[in-house]
Amino acid sequence: QVQLVESGGGLVQPGGSLRLSCAASGSILSINAMGWYRQAPGKQRELVAGITTGGRTNYVDSVKGRFTISRDNAKNTVYLQMNSLKPEDTAVYYCNADLVLTTSRRRWAGWGQGTQVTVSS
């Protein structure tokens, strides 16, 4: 019923930038919140940044001042601008959405397929 499709990952040198995108499509009535998580090898998945419909944002301390989350409500898309990337940012980044379905008016939360971000010289 709902798909979250991520794009924008890749290999970048330390200090470089990447922009991730995640588009939600399907039977969507409204989106409550969207966010980006990441999971590095051998580590638990962690919240990187989140944003509500009203634009309120939150970030994990390690990315504050370097990453910016934004969203286009008309396109059901969330972005993550990542600047000053460090090797420790290397992980699979996952998009998450908390939304309401058109068909059932029920709440749905799910994940995208993930996109690899590798920061290395």
C-alpha atoms as a PDB file:
ATOM      1  CA  GLN A   1       0.000   0.000   0.000  1.00  0.00           C
ATOM      2  CA  VAL A   2       2.857   2.386   0.791  1.00  0.00           C
ATOM      3  CA  GLN A   3       6.349   2.565  -0.610  1.00  0.00           C
ATOM      4  CA  LEU A   4       9.298   4.549   0.699  1.00  0.00           C
ATOM      5  CA  VAL A   5      11.996   4.927  -1.939  1.00  0.00           C
ATOM      6  CA  GLU A   6      15.364   6.333  -0.938  1.00  0.00           C
ATOM      7  CA  SER A   7      18.087   7.726  -3.160  1.00  0.00           C
ATOM      8  CA  GLY A   8      21.277   9.722  -2.941  1.00  0.00           C
ATOM      9  CA  GLY A   9      23.708   7.494  -1.111  1.00  0.00           C
ATOM     10  CA  GLY A  10      27.220   6.774  -2.286  1.00  0.00           C
ATOM     11  CA  LEU A  11      30.917   7.078  -1.597  1.00  0.00           C
ATOM     12  CA  VAL A  12      32.287  10.429  -0.499  1.00  0.00           C
ATOM     13  CA  GLN A  13      35.557  11.660   0.960  1.00  0.00           C
ATOM     14  CA  PRO A  14      35.755  12.994   4.510  1.00  0.00           C
ATOM     15  CA  GLY A  15      34.530  16.579   4.584  1.00  0.00           C
ATOM     16  CA  GLY A  16      32.288  16.030   1.596  1.00  0.00           C
ATOM     17  CA  SER A  17      28.536  16.280   1.231  1.00  0.00           C
ATOM     18  CA  LEU A  18      25.634  14.105   0.171  1.00  0.00           C
ATOM     19  CA  ARG A  19      21.907  14.673  -0.069  1.00  0.00           C
ATOM     20  CA  LEU A  20      19.514  11.818   0.604  1.00  0.00           C
ATOM     21  CA  SER A  21      15.922  11.792  -0.596  1.00  0.00           C
ATOM     22  CA  CYS A  22      12.990   9.613   0.393  1.00  0.00           C
ATOM     23  CA  ALA A  23       9.693   9.707  -1.447  1.00  0.00           C
ATOM     24  CA  ALA A  24       6.567   8.134   0.009  1.00  0.00           C
ATOM     25  CA  SER A  25       3.898   6.912  -2.400  1.00  0.00           C
ATOM     26  CA  GLY A  26       0.698   4.910  -2.264  1.00  0.00           C
ATOM     27  CA  SER A  27      -2.536   5.179  -0.329  1.00  0.00           C
ATOM     28  CA  ILE A  28      -1.460   8.073   1.876  1.00  0.00           C
ATOM     29  CA  LEU A  29      -4.006  10.329   3.544  1.00  0.00           C
ATOM     30  CA  SER A  30      -1.523  12.263   5.649  1.00  0.00           C
ATOM     31  CA  ILE A  31       1.996  11.978   7.029  1.00  0.00           C
ATOM     32  CA  ASN A  32       2.587  12.656  10.704  1.00  0.00           C
ATOM     33  CA  ALA A  33       6.354  12.492  10.772  1.00  0.00           C
ATOM     34  CA  MET A  34       9.298  11.344   8.722  1.00  0.00           C
ATOM     35  CA  GLY A  35      12.827  10.598   9.707  1.00  0.00           C
ATOM     36  CA  TRP A  36      16.199   9.158   8.858  1.00  0.00           C
ATOM     37  CA  TYR A  37      17.856   6.350  10.758  1.00  0.00           C
ATOM     38  CA  ARG A  38      21.203   4.691  10.193  1.00  0.00           C
ATOM     39  CA  GLN A  39      22.794   1.392  11.009  1.00  0.00           C
ATOM     40  CA  ALA A  40      26.508   0.753  10.927  1.00  0.00           C
ATOM     41  CA  PRO A  41      27.953  -2.784  10.891  1.00  0.00           C
ATOM     42  CA  GLY A  42      27.718  -4.345  14.326  1.00  0.00           C
ATOM     43  CA  LYS A  43      25.702  -1.454  15.747  1.00  0.00           C
ATOM     44  CA  GLN A  44      22.067  -0.834  16.502  1.00  0.00           C
ATOM     45  CA  ARG A  45      19.929   1.297  14.235  1.00  0.00           C
ATOM     46  CA  GLU A  46      19.794   4.857  15.537  1.00  0.00           C
ATOM     47  CA  LEU A  47      17.671   7.895  14.810  1.00  0.00           C
ATOM     48  CA  VAL A  48      19.680  10.503  12.925  1.00  0.00           C
ATOM     49  CA  ALA A  49      17.042  13.169  12.343  1.00  0.00           C
ATOM     50  CA  GLY A  50      13.282  13.542  12.392  1.00  0.00           C
ATOM     51  CA  ILE A  51      10.768  16.119  11.195  1.00  0.00           C
ATOM     52  CA  THR A  52       7.079  16.612  11.881  1.00  0.00           C
ATOM     53  CA  THR A  53       4.413  17.881   9.523  1.00  0.00           C
ATOM     54  CA  GLY A  54       4.768  21.285  11.097  1.00  0.00           C
ATOM     55  CA  GLY A  55       8.500  21.315  10.479  1.00  0.00           C
ATOM     56  CA  ARG A  56       9.754  20.656  13.984  1.00  0.00           C
ATOM     57  CA  THR A  57      13.096  18.856  13.791  1.00  0.00           C
ATOM     58  CA  ASN A  58      15.342  16.857  16.068  1.00  0.00           C
ATOM     59  CA  TYR A  59      18.832  15.462  15.576  1.00  0.00           C
ATOM     60  CA  VAL A  60      21.181  13.049  17.242  1.00  0.00           C
ATOM     61  CA  ASP A  61      23.968  15.039  18.904  1.00  0.00           C
ATOM     62  CA  SER A  62      26.689  13.646  16.641  1.00  0.00           C
ATOM     63  CA  VAL A  63      25.201  15.274  13.511  1.00  0.00           C
ATOM     64  CA  LYS A  64      23.990  18.592  14.888  1.00  0.00           C
ATOM     65  CA  GLY A  65      25.367  21.470  12.863  1.00  0.00           C
ATOM     66  CA  ARG A  66      26.342  19.172   9.977  1.00  0.00           C
ATOM     67  CA  PHE A  67      23.074  17.527   8.838  1.00  0.00           C
ATOM     68  CA  THR A  68      19.801  19.204   7.939  1.00  0.00           C
ATOM     69  CA  ILE A  69      16.489  17.432   7.527  1.00  0.00           C
ATOM     70  CA  SER A  70      13.710  18.980   5.474  1.00  0.00           C
ATOM     71  CA  ARG A  71      10.514  17.868   3.804  1.00  0.00           C
ATOM     72  CA  ASP A  72       8.246  18.773   0.921  1.00  0.00           C
ATOM     73  CA  ASN A  73       4.722  17.973   2.131  1.00  0.00           C
ATOM     74  CA  ALA A  74       3.236  18.363  -1.350  1.00  0.00           C
ATOM     75  CA  LYS A  75       5.583  15.681  -2.681  1.00  0.00           C
ATOM     76  CA  ASN A  76       5.541  13.462   0.444  1.00  0.00           C
ATOM     77  CA  THR A  77       9.322  13.619   0.346  1.00  0.00           C
ATOM     78  CA  VAL A  78      11.920  14.049   3.049  1.00  0.00           C
ATOM     79  CA  TYR A  79      15.530  15.075   2.504  1.00  0.00           C
ATOM     80  CA  LEU A  80      18.718  14.796   4.515  1.00  0.00           C
ATOM     81  CA  GLN A  81      21.484  17.198   3.596  1.00  0.00           C
ATOM     82  CA  MET A  82      24.721  15.853   5.027  1.00  0.00           C
ATOM     83  CA  ASN A  83      27.747  18.145   5.144  1.00  0.00           C
ATOM     84  CA  SER A  84      31.200  17.774   6.664  1.00  0.00           C
ATOM     85  CA  LEU A  85      30.862  14.027   6.514  1.00  0.00           C
ATOM     86  CA  LYS A  86      33.095  11.904   8.714  1.00  0.00           C
ATOM     87  CA  PRO A  87      34.124   8.253   8.426  1.00  0.00           C
ATOM     88  CA  GLU A  88      31.948   7.500  11.443  1.00  0.00           C
ATOM     89  CA  ASP A  89      28.904   8.562   9.420  1.00  0.00           C
ATOM     90  CA  THR A  90      29.375   5.463   7.294  1.00  0.00           C
ATOM     91  CA  ALA A  91      26.223   3.351   7.535  1.00  0.00           C
ATOM     92  CA  VAL A  92      23.101   2.234   5.750  1.00  0.00           C
ATOM     93  CA  TYR A  93      20.602   5.065   6.009  1.00  0.00           C
ATOM     94  CA  TYR A  94      16.926   4.224   6.257  1.00  0.00           C
ATOM     95  CA  CYS A  95      13.914   6.424   5.755  1.00  0.00           C
ATOM     96  CA  ASN A  96      11.004   6.050   8.154  1.00  0.00           C
ATOM     97  CA  ALA A  97       7.481   7.419   7.887  1.00  0.00           C
ATOM     98  CA  ASP A  98       4.552   7.558  10.301  1.00  0.00           C
ATOM     99  CA  LEU A  99       1.403   8.164   8.306  1.00  0.00           C
ATOM    100  CA  VAL A 100      -2.332   7.564   7.914  1.00  0.00           C
ATOM    101  CA  LEU A 101      -3.672   5.376   5.119  1.00  0.00           C
ATOM    102  CA  THR A 102      -6.375   6.605   2.782  1.00  0.00           C
ATOM    103  CA  THR A 103      -8.142   3.291   2.522  1.00  0.00           C
ATOM    104  CA  SER A 104      -8.534   2.387   6.187  1.00  0.00           C
ATOM    105  CA  ARG A 105      -7.737   5.652   7.974  1.00  0.00           C
ATOM    106  CA  ARG A 106      -5.335   3.528  10.031  1.00  0.00           C
ATOM    107  CA  ARG A 107      -1.879   4.543  11.114  1.00  0.00           C
ATOM    108  CA  TRP A 108       1.041   2.983   9.252  1.00  0.00           C
ATOM    109  CA  ALA A 109       4.739   3.114  10.021  1.00  0.00           C
ATOM    110  CA  GLY A 110       7.419   1.581   7.880  1.00  0.00           C
ATOM    111  CA  TRP A 111      10.869   1.696   6.379  1.00  0.00           C
ATOM    112  CA  GLY A 112      12.525   2.213   3.070  1.00  0.00           C
ATOM    113  CA  GLN A 113      14.993  -0.279   1.654  1.00  0.00           C
ATOM    114  CA  GLY A 114      18.034   1.668   2.826  1.00  0.00           C
ATOM    115  CA  THR A 115      20.819   3.449   1.019  1.00  0.00           C
ATOM    116  CA  GLN A 116      24.530   2.997   1.691  1.00  0.00           C
ATOM    117  CA  VAL A 117      26.623   6.003   2.684  1.00  0.00           C
ATOM    118  CA  THR A 118      30.364   5.417   2.806  1.00  0.00           C
ATOM    119  CA  VAL A 119      32.759   8.134   3.932  1.00  0.00           C
ATOM    120  CA  SER A 120      36.319   7.204   3.113  1.00  0.00           C
ATOM    121  CA  SER A 121      39.436   8.598   1.518  1.00  0.00           C
END
